C-alpha atoms as a PDB file:
ATOM      1  CA  MET A   1     130.720  81.912  96.990  1.00  0.00           C
ATOM      2  CA  ASP A   2     133.190  84.250  95.362  1.00  0.00           C
ATOM      3  CA  PHE A   3     132.512  86.991  92.831  1.00  0.00           C
ATOM      4  CA  GLU A   4     133.732  84.939  89.843  1.00  0.00           C
ATOM      5  CA  LYS A   5     131.360  82.051  90.634  1.00  0.00           C
ATOM      6  CA  ALA A   6     128.539  84.542  91.061  1.00  0.00           C
ATOM      7  CA  LYS A   7     129.345  86.078  87.642  1.00  0.00           C
ATOM      8  CA  GLU A   8     129.328  82.597  86.077  1.00  0.00           C
ATOM      9  CA  ALA A   9     125.953  81.783  87.628  1.00  0.00           C
ATOM     10  CA  LEU A  10     124.519  85.035  86.251  1.00  0.00           C
ATOM     11  CA  ALA A  11     125.966  84.355  82.808  1.00  0.00           C
ATOM     12  CA  ASP A  12     124.399  80.879  82.775  1.00  0.00           C
ATOM     13  CA  LEU A  13     120.941  82.363  83.394  1.00  0.00           C
ATOM     14  CA  THR A  14     121.194  85.407  81.133  1.00  0.00           C
ATOM     15  CA  GLY A  15     119.695  83.574  78.136  1.00  0.00           C
ATOM     16  CA  SER A  16     116.610  82.603  80.146  1.00  0.00           C
ATOM     17  CA  ALA A  17     116.380  86.165  81.389  1.00  0.00           C
ATOM     18  CA  GLU A  18     116.528  87.570  77.865  1.00  0.00           C
ATOM     19  CA  ASP A  19     113.664  85.241  76.869  1.00  0.00           C
ATOM     20  CA  LEU A  20     111.582  86.518  79.788  1.00  0.00           C
ATOM     21  CA  LEU A  21     112.094  90.085  78.630  1.00  0.00           C
ATOM     22  CA  THR A  22     109.907  89.302  75.623  1.00  0.00           C
ATOM     23  CA  ASP A  23     106.999  88.034  77.770  1.00  0.00           C
ATOM     24  CA  THR A  24     105.800  90.747  80.126  1.00  0.00           C
ATOM     25  CA  GLY A  25     103.239  88.476  81.780  1.00  0.00           C
ATOM     26  CA  LYS A  26     105.838  85.889  82.760  1.00  0.00           C
ATOM     27  CA  LEU A  27     108.266  88.592  83.830  1.00  0.00           C
ATOM     28  CA  GLU A  28     105.677  90.288  86.036  1.00  0.00           C
ATOM     29  CA  ALA A  29     104.850  86.906  87.616  1.00  0.00           C
ATOM     30  CA  LEU A  30     108.560  86.390  88.305  1.00  0.00           C
ATOM     31  CA  LEU A  31     108.830  89.835  89.923  1.00  0.00           C
ATOM     32  CA  GLN A  32     105.840  89.098  92.129  1.00  0.00           C
ATOM     33  CA  GLN A  33     107.415  85.773  93.165  1.00  0.00           C
ATOM     34  CA  LEU A  34     110.547  87.687  94.100  1.00  0.00           C
ATOM     35  CA  GLU A  35     108.621  90.117  96.260  1.00  0.00           C
ATOM     36  CA  GLN A  36     107.030  87.191  98.116  1.00  0.00           C
ATOM     37  CA  LYS A  37     110.325  85.346  98.567  1.00  0.00           C
ATOM     38  CA  LEU A  38     112.045  88.448  99.947  1.00  0.00           C
ATOM     39  CA  LEU A  39     109.435  88.572 102.694  1.00  0.00           C
ATOM     40  CA  ALA A  40     110.921  85.314 104.037  1.00  0.00           C
ATOM     41  CA  VAL A  41     114.590  86.318 103.819  1.00  0.00           C
ATOM     42  CA  PRO A  42     116.117  87.221 107.176  1.00  0.00           C
ATOM     43  CA  SER A  43     117.909  90.544 107.453  1.00  0.00           C
ATOM     44  CA  ALA A  44     120.505  90.541 104.685  1.00  0.00           C
ATOM     45  CA  GLY A  45     122.197  93.844 105.261  1.00  0.00           C
ATOM     46  CA  THR A  46     122.869  96.064 102.279  1.00  0.00           C
ATOM     47  CA  ALA A  47     123.211  93.257  99.732  1.00  0.00           C
ATOM     48  CA  LEU A  48     119.468  93.204  99.047  1.00  0.00           C
ATOM     49  CA  SER A  49     118.748  96.850  99.806  1.00  0.00           C
ATOM     50  CA  LYS A  50     118.481  97.817  96.134  1.00  0.00           C
ATOM     51  CA  VAL A  51     116.060  95.035  95.176  1.00  0.00           C
ATOM     52  CA  PRO A  52     113.051  97.399  95.085  1.00  0.00           C
ATOM     53  CA  LEU A  53     114.992  99.798  92.832  1.00  0.00           C
ATOM     54  CA  MET A  54     115.970  96.886  90.611  1.00  0.00           C
ATOM     55  CA  ILE A  55     112.346  95.712  90.348  1.00  0.00           C
ATOM     56  CA  SER A  56     111.199  99.241  89.588  1.00  0.00           C
ATOM     57  CA  MET A  57     113.817  99.603  86.843  1.00  0.00           C
ATOM     58  CA  ILE A  58     112.818  96.290  85.252  1.00  0.00           C
ATOM     59  CA  ARG A  59     109.141  97.261  85.302  1.00  0.00           C
ATOM     60  CA  SER A  60     109.881 100.721  83.885  1.00  0.00           C
ATOM     61  CA  TYR A  61     111.983  99.139  81.129  1.00  0.00           C
ATOM     62  CA  ILE A  62     109.300  96.601  80.226  1.00  0.00           C
ATOM     63  CA  THR A  63     106.597  99.286  80.066  1.00  0.00           C
ATOM     64  CA  LYS A  64     108.980 101.399  77.971  1.00  0.00           C
ATOM     65  CA  GLU A  65     108.761 104.215  80.496  1.00  0.00           C
ATOM     66  CA  TYR A  66     112.547 104.036  80.946  1.00  0.00           C
ATOM     67  CA  THR A  67     114.625 102.734  78.047  1.00  0.00           C
ATOM     68  CA  GLU A  68     117.957 104.434  78.671  1.00  0.00           C
ATOM     69  CA  VAL A  69     119.535 101.126  79.696  1.00  0.00           C
ATOM     70  CA  SER A  70     120.977  98.207  77.786  1.00  0.00           C
ATOM     71  CA  PRO A  71     118.822  95.078  77.504  1.00  0.00           C
ATOM     72  CA  LYS A  72     121.902  93.187  78.757  1.00  0.00           C
ATOM     73  CA  VAL A  73     121.741  95.095  82.060  1.00  0.00           C
ATOM     74  CA  ILE A  74     118.069  94.228  82.454  1.00  0.00           C
ATOM     75  CA  ALA A  75     118.831  90.600  81.558  1.00  0.00           C
ATOM     76  CA  THR A  76     121.534  90.441  84.251  1.00  0.00           C
ATOM     77  CA  LEU A  77     119.092  91.712  86.858  1.00  0.00           C
ATOM     78  CA  VAL A  78     116.401  89.256  85.739  1.00  0.00           C
ATOM     79  CA  ALA A  79     119.005  86.461  85.824  1.00  0.00           C
ATOM     80  CA  ALA A  80     119.622  87.263  89.498  1.00  0.00           C
ATOM     81  CA  ILE A  81     115.882  86.951  90.146  1.00  0.00           C
ATOM     82  CA  ILE A  82     115.755  83.641  88.295  1.00  0.00           C
ATOM     83  CA  TYR A  83     118.642  82.363  90.419  1.00  0.00           C
ATOM     84  CA  LEU A  84     116.863  83.357  93.609  1.00  0.00           C
ATOM     85  CA  LEU A  85     113.559  81.782  92.619  1.00  0.00           C
ATOM     86  CA  LYS A  86     114.433  78.905  90.350  1.00  0.00           C
ATOM     87  CA  GLY A  87     118.176  78.458  90.370  1.00  0.00           C
ATOM     88  CA  LYS A  88     119.911  75.398  91.640  1.00  0.00           C
ATOM     89  CA  ASP A  89     121.270  76.877  94.818  1.00  0.00           C
ATOM     90  CA  LEU A  90     124.919  76.318  95.531  1.00  0.00           C
ATOM     91  CA  ILE A  91     123.921  76.454  99.206  1.00  0.00           C
ATOM     92  CA  PRO A  92     120.398  75.116  99.918  1.00  0.00           C
ATOM     93  CA  ASP A  93     118.083  77.771 101.393  1.00  0.00           C
ATOM     94  CA  ASN A  94     116.987  75.451 104.198  1.00  0.00           C
ATOM     95  CA  ILE A  95     120.404  75.699 105.886  1.00  0.00           C
ATOM     96  CA  PRO A  96     119.930  78.328 108.622  1.00  0.00           C
ATOM     97  CA  VAL A  97     121.693  81.642 107.953  1.00  0.00           C
ATOM     98  CA  LEU A  98     124.106  80.199 105.347  1.00  0.00           C
ATOM     99  CA  GLY A  99     121.272  79.106 103.069  1.00  0.00           C
ATOM    100  CA  TYR A 100     120.827  82.575 101.677  1.00  0.00           C
ATOM    101  CA  ALA A 101     124.532  83.398 101.300  1.00  0.00           C
ATOM    102  CA  ASP A 102     124.651  82.347  97.642  1.00  0.00           C
ATOM    103  CA  ASP A 103     121.432  84.259  96.873  1.00  0.00           C
ATOM    104  CA  ILE A 104     122.888  87.384  98.451  1.00  0.00           C
ATOM    105  CA  ALA A 105     126.165  86.887  96.556  1.00  0.00           C
ATOM    106  CA  ILE A 106     124.283  86.640  93.242  1.00  0.00           C
ATOM    107  CA  PHE A 107     122.387  89.872  93.920  1.00  0.00           C
ATOM    108  CA  ALA A 108     125.544  91.600  95.140  1.00  0.00           C
ATOM    109  CA  ALA A 109     127.327  90.583  91.916  1.00  0.00           C
ATOM    110  CA  ALA A 110     124.420  91.824  89.776  1.00  0.00           C
ATOM    111  CA  PHE A 111     124.378  95.128  91.657  1.00  0.00           C
ATOM    112  CA  MET A 112     128.136  95.547  91.372  1.00  0.00           C
ATOM    113  CA  LEU A 113     128.028  94.861  87.628  1.00  0.00           C
ATOM    114  CA  ASP A 114     125.055  97.173  87.037  1.00  0.00           C
ATOM    115  CA  GLU A 115     125.544  99.840  89.729  1.00  0.00           C
ATOM    116  CA  PRO A 116     126.100 102.772  87.308  1.00  0.00           C
ATOM    117  CA  GLU A 117     122.875 101.930  85.462  1.00  0.00           C
ATOM    118  CA  LEU A 118     120.920 101.524  88.718  1.00  0.00           C
ATOM    119  CA  ASN A 119     122.234 104.871  89.934  1.00  0.00           C
ATOM    120  CA  ALA A 120     121.270 106.532  86.634  1.00  0.00           C
ATOM    121  CA  TYR A 121     117.776 105.051  86.925  1.00  0.00           C
ATOM    122  CA  ALA A 122     117.461 106.243  90.541  1.00  0.00           C
ATOM    123  CA  GLN A 123     118.431 109.751  89.425  1.00  0.00           C
ATOM    124  CA  TRP A 124     115.927 109.595  86.541  1.00  0.00           C
ATOM    125  CA  ARG A 125     113.149 108.583  88.967  1.00  0.00           C
ATOM    126  CA  THR A 126     114.019 111.481  91.249  1.00  0.00           C
ATOM    127  CA  GLU A 127     114.155 113.983  88.369  1.00  0.00           C
ATOM    128  CA  ASN A 128     110.764 112.772  87.130  1.00  0.00           C
ATOM    129  CA  GLY A 129     109.069 112.931  90.533  1.00  0.00           C
ATOM    130  CA  LEU A 130     108.637 109.181  90.804  1.00  0.00           C
ATOM    131  CA  VAL A 131     110.190 108.834  94.253  1.00  0.00           C
ATOM    132  CA  ALA A 132     107.925 109.038  97.287  1.00  0.00           C
ATOM    133  CA  GLN A 133     108.922 111.912  99.504  1.00  0.00           C
END
């Protein structure tokens, strides 16, 4: 899967993601599903390494603890989660090793698109003592 296809997949799910941003209960359930699904993903290198930061930023945004980010950025990140959990995979997950390639590509695209915002959030967490030492 190339970057352009990953961007298209994210764009297709952004509307659903924006709807979820108005329902904190459904969004929290989606985040918990993500945490469970990631437990089953084999080592994926650095592509998924920022997932906990992403989840933390979404939660902080929803609770209005951190609002210095565009709702579009949050929607893109939630769209990546929707793809992982509910999307019609371009490569079925049951194919060994390759099955998660499209999922990783979607997250990598979301991180590339939103990296400055994720970095700003990480810095904000550090400045506010919210990072475990």
